[in-house]
Amino acid sequence: MAQTIWIHKLTDAKKAEADGMDYICEHLFQALTQTGKLTKVKGWNPFQNASAKDGTTYHALFCDSCGENYNNGHVRMAKEPVLA
């Protein structure tokens, strides 16, 4: 069974730190909330067309773990507020 990858929307200010990606995976989000900045410690895997089950695509940045486990249609939006 494929792993669901939860993604979080970034503010315009944080998009510049994420190589222009609009979303980040849960693991990068946790690191961002702890340090206040994005770091490449856990990997840096931009996906131009990460897709959800309904066919919606996202420009998302994944850590190594999420990048290795990504399958089309297994991305979901998280409900947490957007970080400034």
PDB file of N, CA and C in Angstrom:
ATOM      1  N   MET A   1       0.840  -1.182   0.000  1.00  0.00           N
ATOM      2  CA  MET A   1       0.000   0.000   0.000  1.00  0.00           C
ATOM      3  C   MET A   1       0.883   1.243   0.000  1.00  0.00           C
ATOM      4  N   ALA A   2       0.510   2.227  -0.770  1.00  0.00           N
ATOM      5  CA  ALA A   2       1.314   3.443  -0.901  1.00  0.00           C
ATOM      6  C   ALA A   2       1.138   4.355   0.311  1.00  0.00           C
ATOM      7  N   GLN A   3       2.167   5.102   0.591  1.00  0.00           N
ATOM      8  CA  GLN A   3       2.171   6.031   1.711  1.00  0.00           C
ATOM      9  C   GLN A   3       1.569   7.366   1.273  1.00  0.00           C
ATOM     10  N   THR A   4       0.668   7.921   2.087  1.00  0.00           N
ATOM     11  CA  THR A   4       0.132   9.253   1.825  1.00  0.00           C
ATOM     12  C   THR A   4       1.163  10.286   2.250  1.00  0.00           C
ATOM     13  N   ILE A   5       1.403  11.264   1.399  1.00  0.00           N
ATOM     14  CA  ILE A   5       2.333  12.348   1.710  1.00  0.00           C
ATOM     15  C   ILE A   5       1.514  13.604   1.963  1.00  0.00           C
ATOM     16  N   TRP A   6       1.604  14.125   3.173  1.00  0.00           N
ATOM     17  CA  TRP A   6       0.885  15.338   3.555  1.00  0.00           C
ATOM     18  C   TRP A   6       1.721  16.544   3.186  1.00  0.00           C
ATOM     19  N   ILE A   7       1.099  17.523   2.520  1.00  0.00           N
ATOM     20  CA  ILE A   7       1.816  18.733   2.118  1.00  0.00           C
ATOM     21  C   ILE A   7       1.181  19.971   2.740  1.00  0.00           C
ATOM     22  N   HIS A   8       2.018  20.987   2.911  1.00  0.00           N
ATOM     23  CA  HIS A   8       1.609  22.253   3.519  1.00  0.00           C
ATOM     24  C   HIS A   8       1.916  23.395   2.560  1.00  0.00           C
ATOM     25  N   LYS A   9       1.000  24.323   2.445  1.00  0.00           N
ATOM     26  CA  LYS A   9       1.176  25.485   1.564  1.00  0.00           C
ATOM     27  C   LYS A   9       2.151  26.480   2.200  1.00  0.00           C
ATOM     28  N   LEU A  10       3.010  27.059   1.370  1.00  0.00           N
ATOM     29  CA  LEU A  10       3.967  28.060   1.827  1.00  0.00           C
ATOM     30  C   LEU A  10       3.494  29.463   1.466  1.00  0.00           C
ATOM     31  N   THR A  11       3.920  30.436   2.244  1.00  0.00           N
ATOM     32  CA  THR A  11       3.670  31.831   1.896  1.00  0.00           C
ATOM     33  C   THR A  11       4.618  32.210   0.758  1.00  0.00           C
ATOM     34  N   ASP A  12       4.341  33.323   0.109  1.00  0.00           N
ATOM     35  CA  ASP A  12       5.212  33.780  -0.979  1.00  0.00           C
ATOM     36  C   ASP A  12       6.639  33.995  -0.500  1.00  0.00           C
ATOM     37  N   ALA A  13       6.817  34.490   0.717  1.00  0.00           N
ATOM     38  CA  ALA A  13       8.156  34.732   1.251  1.00  0.00           C
ATOM     39  C   ALA A  13       8.941  33.428   1.406  1.00  0.00           C
ATOM     40  N   LYS A  14       8.276  32.378   1.831  1.00  0.00           N
ATOM     41  CA  LYS A  14       8.951  31.085   2.029  1.00  0.00           C
ATOM     42  C   LYS A  14       9.169  30.335   0.719  1.00  0.00           C
ATOM     43  N   LYS A  15       8.379  30.647  -0.316  1.00  0.00           N
ATOM     44  CA  LYS A  15       8.546  29.985  -1.610  1.00  0.00           C
ATOM     45  C   LYS A  15       9.949  30.223  -2.164  1.00  0.00           C
ATOM     46  N   ALA A  16      10.494  31.399  -1.930  1.00  0.00           N
ATOM     47  CA  ALA A  16      11.843  31.705  -2.414  1.00  0.00           C
ATOM     48  C   ALA A  16      12.872  30.775  -1.782  1.00  0.00           C
ATOM     49  N   GLU A  17      12.677  30.424  -0.517  1.00  0.00           N
ATOM     50  CA  GLU A  17      13.579  29.498   0.170  1.00  0.00           C
ATOM     51  C   GLU A  17      13.403  28.061  -0.319  1.00  0.00           C
ATOM     52  N   ALA A  18      12.264  27.768  -0.931  1.00  0.00           N
ATOM     53  CA  ALA A  18      11.935  26.409  -1.371  1.00  0.00           C
ATOM     54  C   ALA A  18      12.096  26.259  -2.884  1.00  0.00           C
ATOM     55  N   ASP A  19      12.992  27.018  -3.464  1.00  0.00           N
ATOM     56  CA  ASP A  19      13.244  26.958  -4.916  1.00  0.00           C
ATOM     57  C   ASP A  19      11.975  27.173  -5.735  1.00  0.00           C
ATOM     58  N   GLY A  20      11.085  28.033  -5.226  1.00  0.00           N
ATOM     59  CA  GLY A  20       9.875  28.378  -5.954  1.00  0.00           C
ATOM     60  C   GLY A  20       8.731  27.397  -5.819  1.00  0.00           C
ATOM     61  N   MET A  21       8.908  26.336  -5.039  1.00  0.00           N
ATOM     62  CA  MET A  21       7.827  25.363  -4.845  1.00  0.00           C
ATOM     63  C   MET A  21       6.747  25.980  -3.959  1.00  0.00           C
ATOM     64  N   ASP A  22       5.505  25.616  -4.190  1.00  0.00           N
ATOM     65  CA  ASP A  22       4.371  26.170  -3.446  1.00  0.00           C
ATOM     66  C   ASP A  22       4.062  25.414  -2.161  1.00  0.00           C
ATOM     67  N   TYR A  23       4.491  24.162  -2.083  1.00  0.00           N
ATOM     68  CA  TYR A  23       4.155  23.290  -0.953  1.00  0.00           C
ATOM     69  C   TYR A  23       5.390  22.531  -0.487  1.00  0.00           C
ATOM     70  N   ILE A  24       5.360  22.091   0.782  1.00  0.00           N
ATOM     71  CA  ILE A  24       6.425  21.239   1.319  1.00  0.00           C
ATOM     72  C   ILE A  24       5.787  20.053   2.038  1.00  0.00           C
ATOM     73  N   CYS A  25       6.544  18.964   2.126  1.00  0.00           N
ATOM     74  CA  CYS A  25       6.036  17.767   2.805  1.00  0.00           C
ATOM     75  C   CYS A  25       5.997  17.983   4.322  1.00  0.00           C
ATOM     76  N   GLU A  26       5.343  17.091   5.011  1.00  0.00           N
ATOM     77  CA  GLU A  26       5.181  17.166   6.467  1.00  0.00           C
ATOM     78  C   GLU A  26       6.524  17.236   7.188  1.00  0.00           C
ATOM     79  N   HIS A  27       7.508  16.461   6.741  1.00  0.00           N
ATOM     80  CA  HIS A  27       8.809  16.434   7.426  1.00  0.00           C
ATOM     81  C   HIS A  27       9.538  17.764   7.298  1.00  0.00           C
ATOM     82  N   LEU A  28       9.514  18.360   6.103  1.00  0.00           N
ATOM     83  CA  LEU A  28      10.139  19.673   5.934  1.00  0.00           C
ATOM     84  C   LEU A  28       9.354  20.743   6.692  1.00  0.00           C
ATOM     85  N   PHE A  29       8.017  20.575   6.767  1.00  0.00           N
ATOM     86  CA  PHE A  29       7.183  21.501   7.521  1.00  0.00           C
ATOM     87  C   PHE A  29       7.536  21.470   9.009  1.00  0.00           C
ATOM     88  N   GLN A  30       7.736  20.280   9.546  1.00  0.00           N
ATOM     89  CA  GLN A  30       8.112  20.158  10.960  1.00  0.00           C
ATOM     90  C   GLN A  30       9.453  20.827  11.224  1.00  0.00           C
ATOM     91  N   ALA A  31      10.409  20.636  10.328  1.00  0.00           N
ATOM     92  CA  ALA A  31      11.721  21.277  10.485  1.00  0.00           C
ATOM     93  C   ALA A  31      11.580  22.792  10.388  1.00  0.00           C
ATOM     94  N   LEU A  32      10.725  23.261   9.486  1.00  0.00           N
ATOM     95  CA  LEU A  32      10.503  24.698   9.322  1.00  0.00           C
ATOM     96  C   LEU A  32       9.882  25.302  10.574  1.00  0.00           C
ATOM     97  N   THR A  33       8.918  24.617  11.185  1.00  0.00           N
ATOM     98  CA  THR A  33       8.287  25.151  12.387  1.00  0.00           C
ATOM     99  C   THR A  33       9.258  25.176  13.572  1.00  0.00           C
ATOM    100  N   GLN A  34      10.211  24.250  13.591  1.00  0.00           N
ATOM    101  CA  GLN A  34      11.175  24.209  14.691  1.00  0.00           C
ATOM    102  C   GLN A  34      12.293  25.236  14.532  1.00  0.00           C
ATOM    103  N   THR A  35      12.747  25.454  13.298  1.00  0.00           N
ATOM    104  CA  THR A  35      13.901  26.332  13.085  1.00  0.00           C
ATOM    105  C   THR A  35      13.550  27.684  12.473  1.00  0.00           C
ATOM    106  N   GLY A  36      12.377  27.781  11.854  1.00  0.00           N
ATOM    107  CA  GLY A  36      11.982  29.023  11.210  1.00  0.00           C
ATOM    108  C   GLY A  36      12.544  29.184   9.806  1.00  0.00           C
ATOM    109  N   LYS A  37      13.281  28.175   9.327  1.00  0.00           N
ATOM    110  CA  LYS A  37      13.821  28.248   7.965  1.00  0.00           C
ATOM    111  C   LYS A  37      13.877  26.852   7.360  1.00  0.00           C
ATOM    112  N   LEU A  38      13.915  26.822   6.054  1.00  0.00           N
ATOM    113  CA  LEU A  38      14.043  25.545   5.353  1.00  0.00           C
ATOM    114  C   LEU A  38      15.511  25.188   5.221  1.00  0.00           C
ATOM    115  N   THR A  39      15.826  23.945   5.507  1.00  0.00           N
ATOM    116  CA  THR A  39      17.205  23.481   5.369  1.00  0.00           C
ATOM    117  C   THR A  39      17.226  22.239   4.491  1.00  0.00           C
ATOM    118  N   LYS A  40      18.351  21.977   3.867  1.00  0.00           N
ATOM    119  CA  LYS A  40      18.479  20.829   2.976  1.00  0.00           C
ATOM    120  C   LYS A  40      19.031  19.600   3.695  1.00  0.00           C
ATOM    121  N   VAL A  41      18.963  19.587   5.016  1.00  0.00           N
ATOM    122  CA  VAL A  41      19.512  18.486   5.802  1.00  0.00           C
ATOM    123  C   VAL A  41      18.828  17.161   5.468  1.00  0.00           C
ATOM    124  N   LYS A  42      17.498  17.151   5.349  1.00  0.00           N
ATOM    125  CA  LYS A  42      16.753  15.909   5.107  1.00  0.00           C
ATOM    126  C   LYS A  42      16.570  15.622   3.622  1.00  0.00           C
ATOM    127  N   GLY A  43      17.237  16.331   2.776  1.00  0.00           N
ATOM    128  CA  GLY A  43      17.056  16.124   1.348  1.00  0.00           C
ATOM    129  C   GLY A  43      16.276  17.259   0.718  1.00  0.00           C
ATOM    130  N   TRP A  44      16.297  17.293  -0.573  1.00  0.00           N
ATOM    131  CA  TRP A  44      15.711  18.409  -1.313  1.00  0.00           C
ATOM    132  C   TRP A  44      15.253  17.868  -2.652  1.00  0.00           C
ATOM    133  N   ASN A  45      13.989  17.494  -2.744  1.00  0.00           N
ATOM    134  CA  ASN A  45      13.475  16.828  -3.935  1.00  0.00           C
ATOM    135  C   ASN A  45      12.259  17.568  -4.487  1.00  0.00           C
ATOM    136  N   PRO A  46      12.469  18.505  -5.418  1.00  0.00           N
ATOM    137  CA  PRO A  46      11.330  19.229  -6.001  1.00  0.00           C
ATOM    138  C   PRO A  46      10.548  18.351  -6.983  1.00  0.00           C
ATOM    139  N   PHE A  47       9.241  18.363  -6.844  1.00  0.00           N
ATOM    140  CA  PHE A  47       8.343  17.658  -7.762  1.00  0.00           C
ATOM    141  C   PHE A  47       7.444  18.707  -8.406  1.00  0.00           C
ATOM    142  N   GLN A  48       7.554  18.875  -9.701  1.00  0.00           N
ATOM    143  CA  GLN A  48       6.761  19.876 -10.413  1.00  0.00           C
ATOM    144  C   GLN A  48       5.284  19.505 -10.483  1.00  0.00           C
ATOM    145  N   ASN A  49       4.977  18.218 -10.495  1.00  0.00           N
ATOM    146  CA  ASN A  49       3.597  17.769 -10.658  1.00  0.00           C
ATOM    147  C   ASN A  49       3.250  16.644  -9.696  1.00  0.00           C
ATOM    148  N   ALA A  50       3.375  16.902  -8.402  1.00  0.00           N
ATOM    149  CA  ALA A  50       2.952  15.923  -7.400  1.00  0.00           C
ATOM    150  C   ALA A  50       1.424  15.889  -7.432  1.00  0.00           C
ATOM    151  N   SER A  51       0.857  14.714  -7.575  1.00  0.00           N
ATOM    152  CA  SER A  51      -0.587  14.644  -7.806  1.00  0.00           C
ATOM    153  C   SER A  51      -1.366  14.034  -6.640  1.00  0.00           C
ATOM    154  N   ALA A  52      -2.576  14.552  -6.484  1.00  0.00           N
ATOM    155  CA  ALA A  52      -3.524  14.034  -5.503  1.00  0.00           C
ATOM    156  C   ALA A  52      -4.440  13.031  -6.195  1.00  0.00           C
ATOM    157  N   LYS A  53      -5.236  12.323  -5.414  1.00  0.00           N
ATOM    158  CA  LYS A  53      -6.130  11.300  -5.945  1.00  0.00           C
ATOM    159  C   LYS A  53      -7.130  11.870  -6.956  1.00  0.00           C
ATOM    160  N   ASP A  54      -7.549  13.127  -6.739  1.00  0.00           N
ATOM    161  CA  ASP A  54      -8.533  13.742  -7.634  1.00  0.00           C
ATOM    162  C   ASP A  54      -7.908  14.314  -8.912  1.00  0.00           C
ATOM    163  N   GLY A  55      -6.589  14.157  -9.065  1.00  0.00           N
ATOM    164  CA  GLY A  55      -5.910  14.631 -10.263  1.00  0.00           C
ATOM    165  C   GLY A  55      -5.283  16.011 -10.131  1.00  0.00           C
ATOM    166  N   THR A  56      -5.532  16.697  -9.025  1.00  0.00           N
ATOM    167  CA  THR A  56      -4.925  17.997  -8.788  1.00  0.00           C
ATOM    168  C   THR A  56      -3.416  17.830  -8.658  1.00  0.00           C
ATOM    169  N   THR A  57      -2.663  18.741  -9.272  1.00  0.00           N
ATOM    170  CA  THR A  57      -1.204  18.666  -9.163  1.00  0.00           C
ATOM    171  C   THR A  57      -0.671  19.861  -8.389  1.00  0.00           C
ATOM    172  N   TYR A  58       0.457  19.646  -7.725  1.00  0.00           N
ATOM    173  CA  TYR A  58       1.073  20.665  -6.887  1.00  0.00           C
ATOM    174  C   TYR A  58       2.571  20.737  -7.181  1.00  0.00           C
ATOM    175  N   HIS A  59       3.134  21.936  -7.064  1.00  0.00           N
ATOM    176  CA  HIS A  59       4.585  22.114  -7.098  1.00  0.00           C
ATOM    177  C   HIS A  59       5.045  21.930  -5.658  1.00  0.00           C
ATOM    178  N   ALA A  60       5.616  20.770  -5.369  1.00  0.00           N
ATOM    179  CA  ALA A  60       5.924  20.447  -3.979  1.00  0.00           C
ATOM    180  C   ALA A  60       7.387  20.054  -3.797  1.00  0.00           C
ATOM    181  N   LEU A  61       7.898  20.384  -2.632  1.00  0.00           N
ATOM    182  CA  LEU A  61       9.257  20.033  -2.244  1.00  0.00           C
ATOM    183  C   LEU A  61       9.174  18.932  -1.201  1.00  0.00           C
ATOM    184  N   PHE A  62       9.834  17.788  -1.465  1.00  0.00           N
ATOM    185  CA  PHE A  62       9.794  16.646  -0.569  1.00  0.00           C
ATOM    186  C   PHE A  62      11.172  16.381   0.023  1.00  0.00           C
ATOM    187  N   CYS A  63      11.181  15.834   1.234  1.00  0.00           N
ATOM    188  CA  CYS A  63      12.424  15.333   1.826  1.00  0.00           C
ATOM    189  C   CYS A  63      12.783  14.024   1.116  1.00  0.00           C
ATOM    190  N   ASP A  64      13.927  13.447   1.447  1.00  0.00           N
ATOM    191  CA  ASP A  64      14.352  12.197   0.802  1.00  0.00           C
ATOM    192  C   ASP A  64      13.352  11.069   1.014  1.00  0.00           C
ATOM    193  N   SER A  65      12.844  10.932   2.237  1.00  0.00           N
ATOM    194  CA  SER A  65      11.906   9.857   2.543  1.00  0.00           C
ATOM    195  C   SER A  65      10.634   9.976   1.704  1.00  0.00           C
ATOM    196  N   CYS A  66      10.056  11.164   1.648  1.00  0.00           N
ATOM    197  CA  CYS A  66       8.834  11.368   0.875  1.00  0.00           C
ATOM    198  C   CYS A  66       9.112  11.242  -0.624  1.00  0.00           C
ATOM    199  N   GLY A  67      10.269  11.718  -1.059  1.00  0.00           N
ATOM    200  CA  GLY A  67      10.635  11.597  -2.463  1.00  0.00           C
ATOM    201  C   GLY A  67      10.743  10.153  -2.909  1.00  0.00           C
ATOM    202  N   GLU A  68      11.294   9.305  -2.047  1.00  0.00           N
ATOM    203  CA  GLU A  68      11.439   7.883  -2.368  1.00  0.00           C
ATOM    204  C   GLU A  68      10.095   7.147  -2.334  1.00  0.00           C
ATOM    205  N   ASN A  69       9.186   7.592  -1.474  1.00  0.00           N
ATOM    206  CA  ASN A  69       7.901   6.904  -1.301  1.00  0.00           C
ATOM    207  C   ASN A  69       6.771   7.487  -2.134  1.00  0.00           C
ATOM    208  N   TYR A  70       7.055   8.536  -2.911  1.00  0.00           N
ATOM    209  CA  TYR A  70       5.998   9.187  -3.681  1.00  0.00           C
ATOM    210  C   TYR A  70       5.459   8.283  -4.790  1.00  0.00           C
ATOM    211  N   ASN A  71       4.139   8.226  -4.884  1.00  0.00           N
ATOM    212  CA  ASN A  71       3.426   7.575  -5.985  1.00  0.00           C
ATOM    213  C   ASN A  71       2.343   8.541  -6.440  1.00  0.00           C
ATOM    214  N   ASN A  72       2.065   8.567  -7.732  1.00  0.00           N
ATOM    215  CA  ASN A  72       1.009   9.443  -8.246  1.00  0.00           C
ATOM    216  C   ASN A  72      -0.297   9.206  -7.499  1.00  0.00           C
ATOM    217  N   GLY A  73      -0.945  10.303  -7.126  1.00  0.00           N
ATOM    218  CA  GLY A  73      -2.244  10.220  -6.478  1.00  0.00           C
ATOM    219  C   GLY A  73      -2.219  10.066  -4.972  1.00  0.00           C
ATOM    220  N   HIS A  74      -1.049  10.115  -4.347  1.00  0.00           N
ATOM    221  CA  HIS A  74      -0.974   9.896  -2.906  1.00  0.00           C
ATOM    222  C   HIS A  74      -0.525  11.131  -2.133  1.00  0.00           C
ATOM    223  N   VAL A  75      -0.851  12.319  -2.643  1.00  0.00           N
ATOM    224  CA  VAL A  75      -0.546  13.575  -1.954  1.00  0.00           C
ATOM    225  C   VAL A  75      -1.847  14.133  -1.389  1.00  0.00           C
ATOM    226  N   ARG A  76      -1.800  14.622  -0.153  1.00  0.00           N
ATOM    227  CA  ARG A  76      -2.975  15.214   0.493  1.00  0.00           C
ATOM    228  C   ARG A  76      -2.584  16.548   1.121  1.00  0.00           C
ATOM    229  N   MET A  77      -3.526  17.484   1.114  1.00  0.00           N
ATOM    230  CA  MET A  77      -3.304  18.791   1.734  1.00  0.00           C
ATOM    231  C   MET A  77      -3.511  18.693   3.241  1.00  0.00           C
ATOM    232  N   ALA A  78      -2.599  19.267   3.994  1.00  0.00           N
ATOM    233  CA  ALA A  78      -2.743  19.337   5.449  1.00  0.00           C
ATOM    234  C   ALA A  78      -3.656  20.511   5.795  1.00  0.00           C
ATOM    235  N   LYS A  79      -4.249  20.477   6.971  1.00  0.00           N
ATOM    236  CA  LYS A  79      -5.202  21.507   7.392  1.00  0.00           C
ATOM    237  C   LYS A  79      -4.573  22.629   8.210  1.00  0.00           C
ATOM    238  N   GLU A  80      -3.282  22.504   8.545  1.00  0.00           N
ATOM    239  CA  GLU A  80      -2.635  23.500   9.389  1.00  0.00           C
ATOM    240  C   GLU A  80      -2.569  24.846   8.690  1.00  0.00           C
ATOM    241  N   PRO A  81      -2.487  25.920   9.466  1.00  0.00           N
ATOM    242  CA  PRO A  81      -2.375  27.256   8.874  1.00  0.00           C
ATOM    243  C   PRO A  81      -1.053  27.431   8.139  1.00  0.00           C
ATOM    244  N   VAL A  82      -1.048  28.362   7.218  1.00  0.00           N
ATOM    245  CA  VAL A  82       0.131  28.683   6.426  1.00  0.00           C
ATOM    246  C   VAL A  82       1.145  29.407   7.296  1.00  0.00           C
ATOM    247  N   LEU A  83       2.426  29.079   7.152  1.00  0.00           N
ATOM    248  CA  LEU A  83       3.478  29.756   7.903  1.00  0.00           C
ATOM    249  C   LEU A  83       3.872  31.047   7.224  1.00  0.00           C
ATOM    250  N   ALA A  84       4.154  32.037   8.024  1.00  0.00           N
ATOM    251  CA  ALA A  84       4.586  33.337   7.486  1.00  0.00           C
ATOM    252  C   ALA A  84       6.042  33.316   7.129  1.00  0.00           C
TER     253      ALA A  84
END
